[in-house]
Amino acid sequence: MENTNMNKNALAADASSIKASIDLSFLNLKFSFKPLVFGGLAMEYYGLRKHGGDVDLLIANEDYQLLSEAYPDKRIDVWGNLGVILEKYSFFRSVGHLDYNFYAAEAVEYEDFKVISFERLFFMAAAAMRGEPDVQKRKNDFELVFWSNYDKYKNSEYIQYMEEHRSIYERAPNGTIYGGKYHGSI
């Protein structure tokens, strides 16, 4: 049964790209907890950018243990974040040493999977950029989530006020006007 109750910050949420990209029937595994979609496919879900060819999934430790036993030669260890890579799927038990329970908070839930909440995706993008500040993809993804969040919540009335005084702000030191004096010698 699908829960289409969108989280409050869902942008252009669209599950069709995820449903078209995920087919885990080859695993013959019933997950204890629904796999959590993150990474590029979550970015696409929220209408930020298209995903690449891979699918990043976060799974509970119990499910990771089963996969790692079944596919010991497919295990990966990224600075202590353990995973299993099968075909185009990357199954991780943690990202940035934060586990399924952390990232699954307020996730959007569907029948066979969950999608990371926009807030957690934002956190993940910020953490990735902090960890790899020189990687352009990290910068780009952070910019996408930051500006989409900012654009959604900015106060248009305040922006209009700023625009009405733009020429004065541009002449003021650091764009700061003291004492509300907009005219005269700035």
N, C-alpha and C. Protein backbone atom coordinates (compact mmCIF):
# COMPACT_ATOMS: atom_id res chain seq x y z
N MET A 1 0.84 -1.18 0.00
CA MET A 1 0.00 0.00 0.00
C MET A 1 0.88 1.24 0.00
N GLU A 2 0.60 2.16 -0.88
CA GLU A 2 1.43 3.36 -0.99
C GLU A 2 0.93 4.46 -0.09
N ASN A 3 1.87 5.14 0.49
CA ASN A 3 1.56 6.32 1.27
C ASN A 3 2.02 7.51 0.46
N THR A 4 1.09 8.23 -0.11
CA THR A 4 1.46 9.38 -0.92
C THR A 4 1.42 10.66 -0.10
N ASN A 5 1.36 10.53 1.22
CA ASN A 5 1.41 11.68 2.10
C ASN A 5 2.82 12.25 2.03
N MET A 6 2.96 13.32 1.28
CA MET A 6 4.28 13.89 1.03
C MET A 6 4.80 14.60 2.26
N ASN A 7 6.08 14.54 2.45
CA ASN A 7 6.65 15.29 3.56
C ASN A 7 6.53 16.76 3.23
N LYS A 8 6.50 17.58 4.25
CA LYS A 8 6.18 19.00 4.07
C LYS A 8 7.14 19.74 3.15
N ASN A 9 8.36 19.25 2.97
CA ASN A 9 9.31 19.95 2.13
C ASN A 9 9.51 19.29 0.77
N ALA A 10 8.66 18.34 0.44
CA ALA A 10 8.80 17.70 -0.86
C ALA A 10 8.62 18.76 -1.94
N LEU A 11 9.52 18.77 -2.88
CA LEU A 11 9.44 19.74 -3.96
C LEU A 11 8.58 19.14 -5.07
N ALA A 12 9.18 18.73 -6.13
CA ALA A 12 8.44 18.15 -7.25
C ALA A 12 8.54 16.63 -7.15
N ALA A 13 8.17 16.09 -6.01
CA ALA A 13 8.34 14.67 -5.74
C ALA A 13 7.64 13.82 -6.80
N ASP A 14 8.40 12.86 -7.35
CA ASP A 14 7.88 12.01 -8.41
C ASP A 14 8.46 10.61 -8.25
N ALA A 15 7.63 9.69 -7.83
CA ALA A 15 8.09 8.32 -7.58
C ALA A 15 8.25 7.50 -8.85
N SER A 16 7.75 7.97 -9.98
CA SER A 16 7.80 7.17 -11.20
C SER A 16 9.24 6.85 -11.62
N SER A 17 10.16 7.81 -11.46
CA SER A 17 11.55 7.55 -11.84
C SER A 17 12.17 6.48 -10.94
N ILE A 18 11.77 6.48 -9.68
CA ILE A 18 12.31 5.48 -8.76
C ILE A 18 11.74 4.10 -9.09
N LYS A 19 10.44 4.04 -9.28
CA LYS A 19 9.81 2.76 -9.60
C LYS A 19 10.39 2.18 -10.89
N ALA A 20 10.70 3.03 -11.85
CA ALA A 20 11.28 2.56 -13.11
C ALA A 20 12.73 2.14 -12.96
N SER A 21 13.41 2.62 -11.92
CA SER A 21 14.84 2.36 -11.75
C SER A 21 15.16 1.22 -10.80
N ILE A 22 14.18 0.78 -10.01
CA ILE A 22 14.47 -0.23 -8.99
C ILE A 22 13.71 -1.51 -9.27
N ASP A 23 14.48 -2.59 -9.39
CA ASP A 23 13.91 -3.93 -9.46
C ASP A 23 14.86 -4.84 -8.69
N LEU A 24 14.50 -5.14 -7.47
CA LEU A 24 15.38 -5.93 -6.60
C LEU A 24 14.95 -7.40 -6.54
N SER A 25 14.11 -7.83 -7.48
CA SER A 25 13.60 -9.21 -7.46
C SER A 25 14.73 -10.24 -7.62
N PHE A 26 15.82 -9.87 -8.23
CA PHE A 26 16.94 -10.79 -8.43
C PHE A 26 17.59 -11.21 -7.11
N LEU A 27 17.34 -10.47 -6.05
CA LEU A 27 17.97 -10.76 -4.76
C LEU A 27 17.34 -11.93 -4.03
N ASN A 28 16.08 -12.19 -4.27
CA ASN A 28 15.37 -13.21 -3.48
C ASN A 28 15.56 -12.98 -1.99
N LEU A 29 15.40 -11.73 -1.59
CA LEU A 29 15.58 -11.34 -0.20
C LEU A 29 14.41 -10.46 0.23
N LYS A 30 13.83 -10.79 1.33
CA LYS A 30 12.79 -9.95 1.92
C LYS A 30 13.49 -9.08 2.96
N PHE A 31 13.53 -7.75 2.69
CA PHE A 31 14.20 -6.84 3.59
C PHE A 31 13.41 -6.70 4.89
N SER A 32 14.13 -6.59 5.99
CA SER A 32 13.51 -6.35 7.29
C SER A 32 12.87 -4.97 7.32
N PHE A 33 13.55 -4.02 6.68
CA PHE A 33 13.09 -2.64 6.58
C PHE A 33 13.21 -2.23 5.11
N LYS A 34 12.28 -1.45 4.65
CA LYS A 34 12.29 -1.03 3.25
C LYS A 34 13.58 -0.29 2.93
N PRO A 35 14.23 -0.63 1.81
CA PRO A 35 15.43 0.11 1.41
C PRO A 35 15.10 1.60 1.24
N LEU A 36 16.06 2.42 1.63
CA LEU A 36 15.91 3.88 1.59
C LEU A 36 16.69 4.44 0.40
N VAL A 37 15.99 5.07 -0.52
CA VAL A 37 16.61 5.68 -1.70
C VAL A 37 17.25 7.00 -1.28
N PHE A 38 18.51 7.18 -1.68
CA PHE A 38 19.21 8.45 -1.47
C PHE A 38 20.05 8.73 -2.70
N GLY A 39 20.91 9.72 -2.66
CA GLY A 39 21.80 10.01 -3.77
C GLY A 39 21.07 10.59 -4.98
N GLY A 40 21.58 10.29 -6.15
CA GLY A 40 21.07 10.88 -7.38
C GLY A 40 19.61 10.57 -7.66
N LEU A 41 19.18 9.37 -7.32
CA LEU A 41 17.78 9.02 -7.57
C LEU A 41 16.85 9.84 -6.66
N ALA A 42 17.28 10.11 -5.44
CA ALA A 42 16.50 10.99 -4.56
C ALA A 42 16.52 12.42 -5.09
N MET A 43 17.64 12.85 -5.63
CA MET A 43 17.72 14.18 -6.23
C MET A 43 16.71 14.28 -7.38
N GLU A 44 16.61 13.24 -8.18
CA GLU A 44 15.64 13.24 -9.28
C GLU A 44 14.21 13.23 -8.74
N TYR A 45 13.98 12.45 -7.72
CA TYR A 45 12.66 12.37 -7.08
C TYR A 45 12.17 13.76 -6.68
N TYR A 46 13.07 14.58 -6.15
CA TYR A 46 12.71 15.92 -5.71
C TYR A 46 12.81 16.96 -6.83
N GLY A 47 13.07 16.50 -8.04
CA GLY A 47 13.06 17.39 -9.19
C GLY A 47 14.29 18.27 -9.31
N LEU A 48 15.41 17.85 -8.71
CA LEU A 48 16.62 18.67 -8.70
C LEU A 48 17.54 18.40 -9.88
N ARG A 49 17.70 17.13 -10.23
CA ARG A 49 18.54 16.75 -11.37
C ARG A 49 18.26 15.30 -11.70
N LYS A 50 18.69 14.87 -12.88
CA LYS A 50 18.56 13.47 -13.27
C LYS A 50 19.61 12.65 -12.53
N HIS A 51 19.30 11.41 -12.26
CA HIS A 51 20.27 10.53 -11.60
C HIS A 51 21.17 9.88 -12.64
N GLY A 52 22.29 9.37 -12.18
CA GLY A 52 23.19 8.63 -13.06
C GLY A 52 22.67 7.21 -13.24
N GLY A 53 23.51 6.31 -13.63
CA GLY A 53 23.08 4.93 -13.86
C GLY A 53 23.00 4.08 -12.62
N ASP A 54 23.61 4.53 -11.52
CA ASP A 54 23.62 3.72 -10.31
C ASP A 54 22.44 4.08 -9.41
N VAL A 55 22.15 3.18 -8.47
CA VAL A 55 21.07 3.40 -7.51
C VAL A 55 21.66 3.20 -6.12
N ASP A 56 21.58 4.24 -5.31
CA ASP A 56 22.10 4.20 -3.94
C ASP A 56 20.96 3.91 -2.99
N LEU A 57 21.15 2.86 -2.18
CA LEU A 57 20.15 2.46 -1.21
C LEU A 57 20.80 2.29 0.16
N LEU A 58 20.13 2.77 1.16
CA LEU A 58 20.57 2.58 2.54
C LEU A 58 19.70 1.49 3.12
N ILE A 59 20.33 0.53 3.78
CA ILE A 59 19.58 -0.59 4.36
C ILE A 59 19.95 -0.73 5.83
N ALA A 60 19.07 -1.37 6.56
CA ALA A 60 19.31 -1.62 7.98
C ALA A 60 20.48 -2.60 8.13
N ASN A 61 21.14 -2.54 9.26
CA ASN A 61 22.29 -3.41 9.51
C ASN A 61 21.93 -4.88 9.35
N GLU A 62 20.74 -5.29 9.82
CA GLU A 62 20.32 -6.69 9.69
C GLU A 62 20.30 -7.12 8.23
N ASP A 63 19.79 -6.27 7.37
CA ASP A 63 19.74 -6.58 5.95
C ASP A 63 21.13 -6.55 5.32
N TYR A 64 21.96 -5.62 5.78
CA TYR A 64 23.35 -5.60 5.29
C TYR A 64 24.04 -6.91 5.62
N GLN A 65 23.85 -7.40 6.84
CA GLN A 65 24.51 -8.65 7.25
C GLN A 65 24.10 -9.80 6.34
N LEU A 66 22.83 -9.89 6.00
CA LEU A 66 22.36 -10.95 5.09
C LEU A 66 22.98 -10.81 3.70
N LEU A 67 23.01 -9.59 3.17
CA LEU A 67 23.60 -9.37 1.85
C LEU A 67 25.10 -9.65 1.85
N SER A 68 25.78 -9.22 2.90
CA SER A 68 27.23 -9.41 2.93
C SER A 68 27.60 -10.89 3.06
N GLU A 69 26.77 -11.66 3.73
CA GLU A 69 27.00 -13.11 3.82
C GLU A 69 26.72 -13.77 2.47
N ALA A 70 25.68 -13.34 1.79
CA ALA A 70 25.31 -13.93 0.50
C ALA A 70 26.27 -13.53 -0.61
N TYR A 71 26.88 -12.35 -0.51
CA TYR A 71 27.77 -11.82 -1.57
C TYR A 71 29.07 -11.30 -0.96
N PRO A 72 29.87 -12.16 -0.36
CA PRO A 72 31.08 -11.67 0.32
C PRO A 72 32.09 -11.01 -0.62
N ASP A 73 32.11 -11.41 -1.88
CA ASP A 73 33.05 -10.83 -2.84
C ASP A 73 32.56 -9.50 -3.41
N LYS A 74 31.38 -9.07 -3.03
CA LYS A 74 30.81 -7.82 -3.52
C LYS A 74 30.78 -6.73 -2.43
N ARG A 75 31.43 -7.01 -1.31
CA ARG A 75 31.43 -6.04 -0.22
C ARG A 75 32.37 -4.89 -0.51
N ILE A 76 32.04 -3.76 0.07
CA ILE A 76 32.86 -2.56 -0.08
C ILE A 76 32.94 -1.87 1.28
N ASP A 77 34.06 -1.25 1.53
CA ASP A 77 34.27 -0.52 2.78
C ASP A 77 34.80 0.86 2.41
N VAL A 78 33.99 1.90 2.65
CA VAL A 78 34.38 3.27 2.36
C VAL A 78 34.55 4.00 3.69
N TRP A 79 35.76 4.04 4.18
CA TRP A 79 36.06 4.70 5.44
C TRP A 79 35.14 4.23 6.57
N GLY A 80 34.89 2.93 6.62
CA GLY A 80 34.06 2.37 7.68
C GLY A 80 32.59 2.31 7.36
N ASN A 81 32.19 2.84 6.22
CA ASN A 81 30.80 2.72 5.77
C ASN A 81 30.74 1.48 4.90
N LEU A 82 30.12 0.43 5.41
CA LEU A 82 30.12 -0.86 4.74
C LEU A 82 28.95 -0.97 3.77
N GLY A 83 29.21 -1.64 2.66
CA GLY A 83 28.17 -1.82 1.67
C GLY A 83 28.38 -3.05 0.82
N VAL A 84 27.43 -3.30 -0.03
CA VAL A 84 27.48 -4.39 -1.00
C VAL A 84 27.06 -3.79 -2.34
N ILE A 85 27.87 -4.03 -3.37
CA ILE A 85 27.58 -3.53 -4.71
C ILE A 85 27.13 -4.70 -5.57
N LEU A 86 25.90 -4.63 -6.06
CA LEU A 86 25.34 -5.67 -6.91
C LEU A 86 24.72 -5.01 -8.14
N GLU A 87 25.26 -5.35 -9.29
CA GLU A 87 24.83 -4.75 -10.55
C GLU A 87 24.89 -3.23 -10.41
N LYS A 88 23.79 -2.53 -10.65
CA LYS A 88 23.80 -1.07 -10.57
C LYS A 88 23.44 -0.56 -9.18
N TYR A 89 23.26 -1.46 -8.23
CA TYR A 89 22.79 -1.10 -6.89
C TYR A 89 23.92 -1.08 -5.88
N SER A 90 23.96 -0.01 -5.10
CA SER A 90 24.89 0.09 -3.97
C SER A 90 24.04 0.07 -2.71
N PHE A 91 24.21 -0.96 -1.90
CA PHE A 91 23.48 -1.10 -0.64
C PHE A 91 24.44 -0.75 0.49
N PHE A 92 24.18 0.32 1.20
CA PHE A 92 25.04 0.72 2.30
C PHE A 92 24.30 0.60 3.62
N ARG A 93 25.04 0.25 4.67
CA ARG A 93 24.44 0.23 6.01
C ARG A 93 24.63 1.56 6.72
N SER A 94 25.52 2.40 6.21
CA SER A 94 25.71 3.73 6.78
C SER A 94 26.32 4.64 5.72
N VAL A 95 26.08 5.92 5.90
CA VAL A 95 26.70 6.95 5.07
C VAL A 95 27.19 8.01 6.06
N GLY A 96 28.46 8.29 6.01
CA GLY A 96 29.03 9.24 6.97
C GLY A 96 28.90 8.75 8.40
N HIS A 97 28.90 7.42 8.57
CA HIS A 97 28.77 6.76 9.86
C HIS A 97 27.44 7.01 10.54
N LEU A 98 26.45 7.46 9.77
CA LEU A 98 25.08 7.61 10.26
C LEU A 98 24.27 6.51 9.59
N ASP A 99 23.42 5.86 10.36
CA ASP A 99 22.77 4.65 9.87
C ASP A 99 21.37 4.86 9.33
N TYR A 100 20.77 3.76 8.97
CA TYR A 100 19.42 3.72 8.40
C TYR A 100 18.43 4.49 9.28
N ASN A 101 18.48 4.25 10.58
CA ASN A 101 17.51 4.90 11.47
C ASN A 101 17.61 6.42 11.40
N PHE A 102 18.80 6.94 11.30
CA PHE A 102 18.97 8.40 11.19
C PHE A 102 18.39 8.91 9.88
N TYR A 103 18.81 8.32 8.77
CA TYR A 103 18.39 8.83 7.46
C TYR A 103 16.94 8.51 7.12
N ALA A 104 16.35 7.48 7.73
CA ALA A 104 14.97 7.10 7.42
C ALA A 104 13.94 7.97 8.15
N ALA A 105 14.40 8.82 9.07
CA ALA A 105 13.47 9.69 9.80
C ALA A 105 12.70 10.56 8.80
N GLU A 106 11.40 10.56 8.89
CA GLU A 106 10.51 11.36 8.05
C GLU A 106 10.63 11.04 6.56
N ALA A 107 11.10 9.84 6.24
CA ALA A 107 11.20 9.43 4.83
C ALA A 107 9.80 9.31 4.24
N VAL A 108 9.73 9.46 2.94
CA VAL A 108 8.48 9.26 2.21
C VAL A 108 8.39 7.77 1.90
N GLU A 109 7.29 7.17 2.30
CA GLU A 109 7.19 5.72 2.23
C GLU A 109 6.29 5.27 1.09
N TYR A 110 6.78 4.25 0.37
CA TYR A 110 6.03 3.59 -0.68
C TYR A 110 5.97 2.11 -0.37
N GLU A 111 5.35 1.36 -1.25
CA GLU A 111 5.13 -0.06 -0.97
C GLU A 111 6.44 -0.84 -0.75
N ASP A 112 7.42 -0.64 -1.62
CA ASP A 112 8.65 -1.45 -1.56
C ASP A 112 9.90 -0.69 -1.15
N PHE A 113 9.79 0.60 -0.96
CA PHE A 113 10.97 1.41 -0.63
C PHE A 113 10.53 2.68 0.08
N LYS A 114 11.52 3.38 0.59
CA LYS A 114 11.32 4.71 1.15
C LYS A 114 12.24 5.66 0.41
N VAL A 115 11.91 6.94 0.44
CA VAL A 115 12.77 7.97 -0.15
C VAL A 115 13.19 8.90 0.98
N ILE A 116 14.47 9.17 1.05
CA ILE A 116 15.01 10.05 2.08
C ILE A 116 14.23 11.38 2.08
N SER A 117 13.99 11.92 3.25
CA SER A 117 13.30 13.21 3.32
C SER A 117 14.19 14.29 2.72
N PHE A 118 13.56 15.37 2.30
CA PHE A 118 14.35 16.45 1.72
C PHE A 118 15.33 17.01 2.75
N GLU A 119 14.91 17.10 4.01
CA GLU A 119 15.78 17.63 5.05
C GLU A 119 17.03 16.77 5.22
N ARG A 120 16.85 15.44 5.21
CA ARG A 120 18.00 14.54 5.35
C ARG A 120 18.87 14.56 4.09
N LEU A 121 18.23 14.71 2.93
CA LEU A 121 19.00 14.83 1.69
C LEU A 121 19.86 16.08 1.72
N PHE A 122 19.29 17.16 2.22
CA PHE A 122 20.01 18.42 2.38
C PHE A 122 21.21 18.21 3.31
N PHE A 123 20.96 17.56 4.44
CA PHE A 123 22.04 17.26 5.39
C PHE A 123 23.12 16.42 4.72
N MET A 124 22.70 15.41 3.99
CA MET A 124 23.65 14.51 3.33
C MET A 124 24.50 15.27 2.30
N ALA A 125 23.88 16.16 1.55
CA ALA A 125 24.62 16.95 0.56
C ALA A 125 25.62 17.87 1.24
N ALA A 126 25.22 18.47 2.35
CA ALA A 126 26.13 19.35 3.09
C ALA A 126 27.30 18.54 3.66
N ALA A 127 27.02 17.38 4.22
CA ALA A 127 28.08 16.53 4.78
C ALA A 127 29.03 16.06 3.69
N ALA A 128 28.49 15.70 2.52
CA ALA A 128 29.34 15.25 1.42
C ALA A 128 30.24 16.37 0.94
N MET A 129 29.70 17.57 0.86
CA MET A 129 30.53 18.70 0.42
C MET A 129 31.59 19.03 1.46
N ARG A 130 31.23 18.93 2.72
CA ARG A 130 32.21 19.19 3.79
C ARG A 130 33.34 18.16 3.72
N GLY A 131 32.99 16.91 3.43
CA GLY A 131 33.98 15.84 3.37
C GLY A 131 34.85 15.88 2.12
N GLU A 132 34.28 16.37 1.03
CA GLU A 132 35.00 16.43 -0.25
C GLU A 132 34.76 17.79 -0.90
N PRO A 133 35.28 18.85 -0.29
CA PRO A 133 34.96 20.20 -0.78
C PRO A 133 35.50 20.51 -2.17
N ASP A 134 36.47 19.75 -2.64
CA ASP A 134 37.05 20.02 -3.95
C ASP A 134 36.40 19.20 -5.07
N VAL A 135 35.44 18.36 -4.73
CA VAL A 135 34.76 17.55 -5.74
C VAL A 135 33.59 18.35 -6.29
N GLN A 136 33.63 18.64 -7.58
CA GLN A 136 32.61 19.50 -8.21
C GLN A 136 31.20 18.94 -8.05
N LYS A 137 31.04 17.63 -8.16
CA LYS A 137 29.71 17.03 -8.01
C LYS A 137 29.14 17.34 -6.63
N ARG A 138 29.96 17.30 -5.61
CA ARG A 138 29.49 17.61 -4.24
C ARG A 138 29.03 19.06 -4.16
N LYS A 139 29.81 19.95 -4.75
CA LYS A 139 29.42 21.37 -4.77
C LYS A 139 28.11 21.57 -5.52
N ASN A 140 28.00 20.95 -6.67
CA ASN A 140 26.80 21.10 -7.49
C ASN A 140 25.55 20.59 -6.77
N ASP A 141 25.66 19.40 -6.16
CA ASP A 141 24.51 18.85 -5.45
C ASP A 141 24.13 19.71 -4.26
N PHE A 142 25.12 20.21 -3.54
CA PHE A 142 24.81 21.09 -2.41
C PHE A 142 24.10 22.35 -2.89
N GLU A 143 24.60 22.94 -3.96
CA GLU A 143 23.96 24.14 -4.49
C GLU A 143 22.50 23.85 -4.88
N LEU A 144 22.26 22.71 -5.50
CA LEU A 144 20.89 22.37 -5.90
C LEU A 144 19.95 22.27 -4.71
N VAL A 145 20.37 21.55 -3.67
CA VAL A 145 19.47 21.40 -2.52
C VAL A 145 19.36 22.70 -1.73
N PHE A 146 20.45 23.43 -1.62
CA PHE A 146 20.40 24.69 -0.88
C PHE A 146 19.45 25.67 -1.54
N TRP A 147 19.66 25.94 -2.84
CA TRP A 147 18.87 26.96 -3.51
C TRP A 147 17.42 26.56 -3.68
N SER A 148 17.14 25.28 -3.85
CA SER A 148 15.74 24.87 -3.95
C SER A 148 15.04 25.09 -2.62
N ASN A 149 15.72 24.82 -1.53
CA ASN A 149 15.16 25.06 -0.20
C ASN A 149 15.01 26.56 0.05
N TYR A 150 16.03 27.32 -0.27
CA TYR A 150 15.98 28.77 -0.08
C TYR A 150 14.85 29.38 -0.92
N ASP A 151 14.79 29.00 -2.18
CA ASP A 151 13.77 29.56 -3.07
C ASP A 151 12.36 29.23 -2.59
N LYS A 152 12.20 28.07 -1.97
CA LYS A 152 10.89 27.67 -1.49
C LYS A 152 10.45 28.51 -0.29
N TYR A 153 11.38 28.90 0.56
CA TYR A 153 11.03 29.55 1.82
C TYR A 153 11.34 31.03 1.93
N LYS A 154 12.03 31.60 0.96
CA LYS A 154 12.37 33.02 1.07
C LYS A 154 11.09 33.87 1.12
N ASN A 155 11.19 34.99 1.79
CA ASN A 155 10.05 35.87 1.96
C ASN A 155 10.06 36.88 0.81
N SER A 156 9.11 36.76 -0.09
CA SER A 156 9.06 37.61 -1.29
C SER A 156 8.92 39.08 -0.94
N GLU A 157 8.20 39.39 0.13
CA GLU A 157 8.04 40.78 0.56
C GLU A 157 9.39 41.39 0.96
N TYR A 158 10.21 40.60 1.64
CA TYR A 158 11.54 41.09 2.05
C TYR A 158 12.45 41.27 0.84
N ILE A 159 12.34 40.36 -0.12
CA ILE A 159 13.14 40.46 -1.34
C ILE A 159 12.74 41.73 -2.10
N GLN A 160 11.46 41.99 -2.20
CA GLN A 160 10.97 43.18 -2.89
C GLN A 160 11.50 44.44 -2.20
N TYR A 161 11.47 44.46 -0.89
CA TYR A 161 11.99 45.59 -0.12
C TYR A 161 13.47 45.83 -0.45
N MET A 162 14.24 44.74 -0.47
CA MET A 162 15.67 44.86 -0.78
C MET A 162 15.87 45.40 -2.19
N GLU A 163 15.11 44.90 -3.14
CA GLU A 163 15.25 45.33 -4.53
C GLU A 163 14.93 46.82 -4.68
N GLU A 164 13.96 47.32 -3.92
CA GLU A 164 13.61 48.74 -3.97
C GLU A 164 14.77 49.63 -3.51
N HIS A 165 15.66 49.08 -2.70
CA HIS A 165 16.78 49.86 -2.15
C HIS A 165 18.14 49.38 -2.67
N ARG A 166 18.14 48.57 -3.71
CA ARG A 166 19.38 47.95 -4.22
C ARG A 166 20.48 48.98 -4.47
N SER A 167 20.20 50.07 -5.14
CA SER A 167 21.25 51.04 -5.48
C SER A 167 21.88 51.63 -4.21
N ILE A 168 21.09 51.79 -3.18
CA ILE A 168 21.63 52.33 -1.92
C ILE A 168 22.50 51.27 -1.23
N TYR A 169 22.03 50.02 -1.22
CA TYR A 169 22.83 48.95 -0.61
C TYR A 169 24.17 48.81 -1.32
N GLU A 170 24.17 48.96 -2.64
CA GLU A 170 25.40 48.82 -3.41
C GLU A 170 26.40 49.91 -3.08
N ARG A 171 25.94 51.07 -2.64
CA ARG A 171 26.84 52.16 -2.26
C ARG A 171 27.25 52.08 -0.78
N ALA A 172 26.46 51.39 0.03
CA ALA A 172 26.73 51.31 1.47
C ALA A 172 27.86 50.31 1.74
N PRO A 173 28.69 50.57 2.75
CA PRO A 173 29.76 49.62 3.09
C PRO A 173 29.15 48.25 3.46
N ASN A 174 29.56 47.24 2.76
CA ASN A 174 29.06 45.88 2.97
C ASN A 174 27.55 45.76 2.83
N GLY A 175 26.90 46.70 2.17
CA GLY A 175 25.46 46.65 1.98
C GLY A 175 24.67 46.88 3.25
N THR A 176 25.30 47.51 4.23
CA THR A 176 24.66 47.72 5.53
C THR A 176 24.33 49.19 5.72
N ILE A 177 23.08 49.45 6.07
CA ILE A 177 22.62 50.82 6.30
C ILE A 177 22.33 50.98 7.78
N TYR A 178 23.03 51.91 8.42
CA TYR A 178 22.86 52.13 9.85
C TYR A 178 21.87 53.25 10.10
N GLY A 179 21.02 53.08 11.08
CA GLY A 179 20.09 54.12 11.51
C GLY A 179 18.96 54.38 10.54
N GLY A 180 18.77 53.53 9.54
CA GLY A 180 17.66 53.69 8.62
C GLY A 180 17.76 54.90 7.72
N LYS A 181 18.97 55.44 7.52
CA LYS A 181 19.16 56.62 6.68
C LYS A 181 19.53 56.17 5.28
N TYR A 182 18.52 56.21 4.40
CA TYR A 182 18.70 55.73 3.04
C TYR A 182 19.12 56.81 2.07
N HIS A 183 18.96 58.06 2.43
CA HIS A 183 19.28 59.14 1.52
C HIS A 183 20.43 59.96 2.08
N GLY A 184 21.10 60.60 1.21
CA GLY A 184 22.21 61.42 1.65
C GLY A 184 23.55 60.82 1.29
N SER A 185 24.48 60.97 2.17
CA SER A 185 25.86 60.58 1.87
C SER A 185 26.17 59.18 2.37
N ILE A 186 25.83 58.22 1.55
CA ILE A 186 26.19 56.83 1.91
C ILE A 186 27.45 56.47 1.14
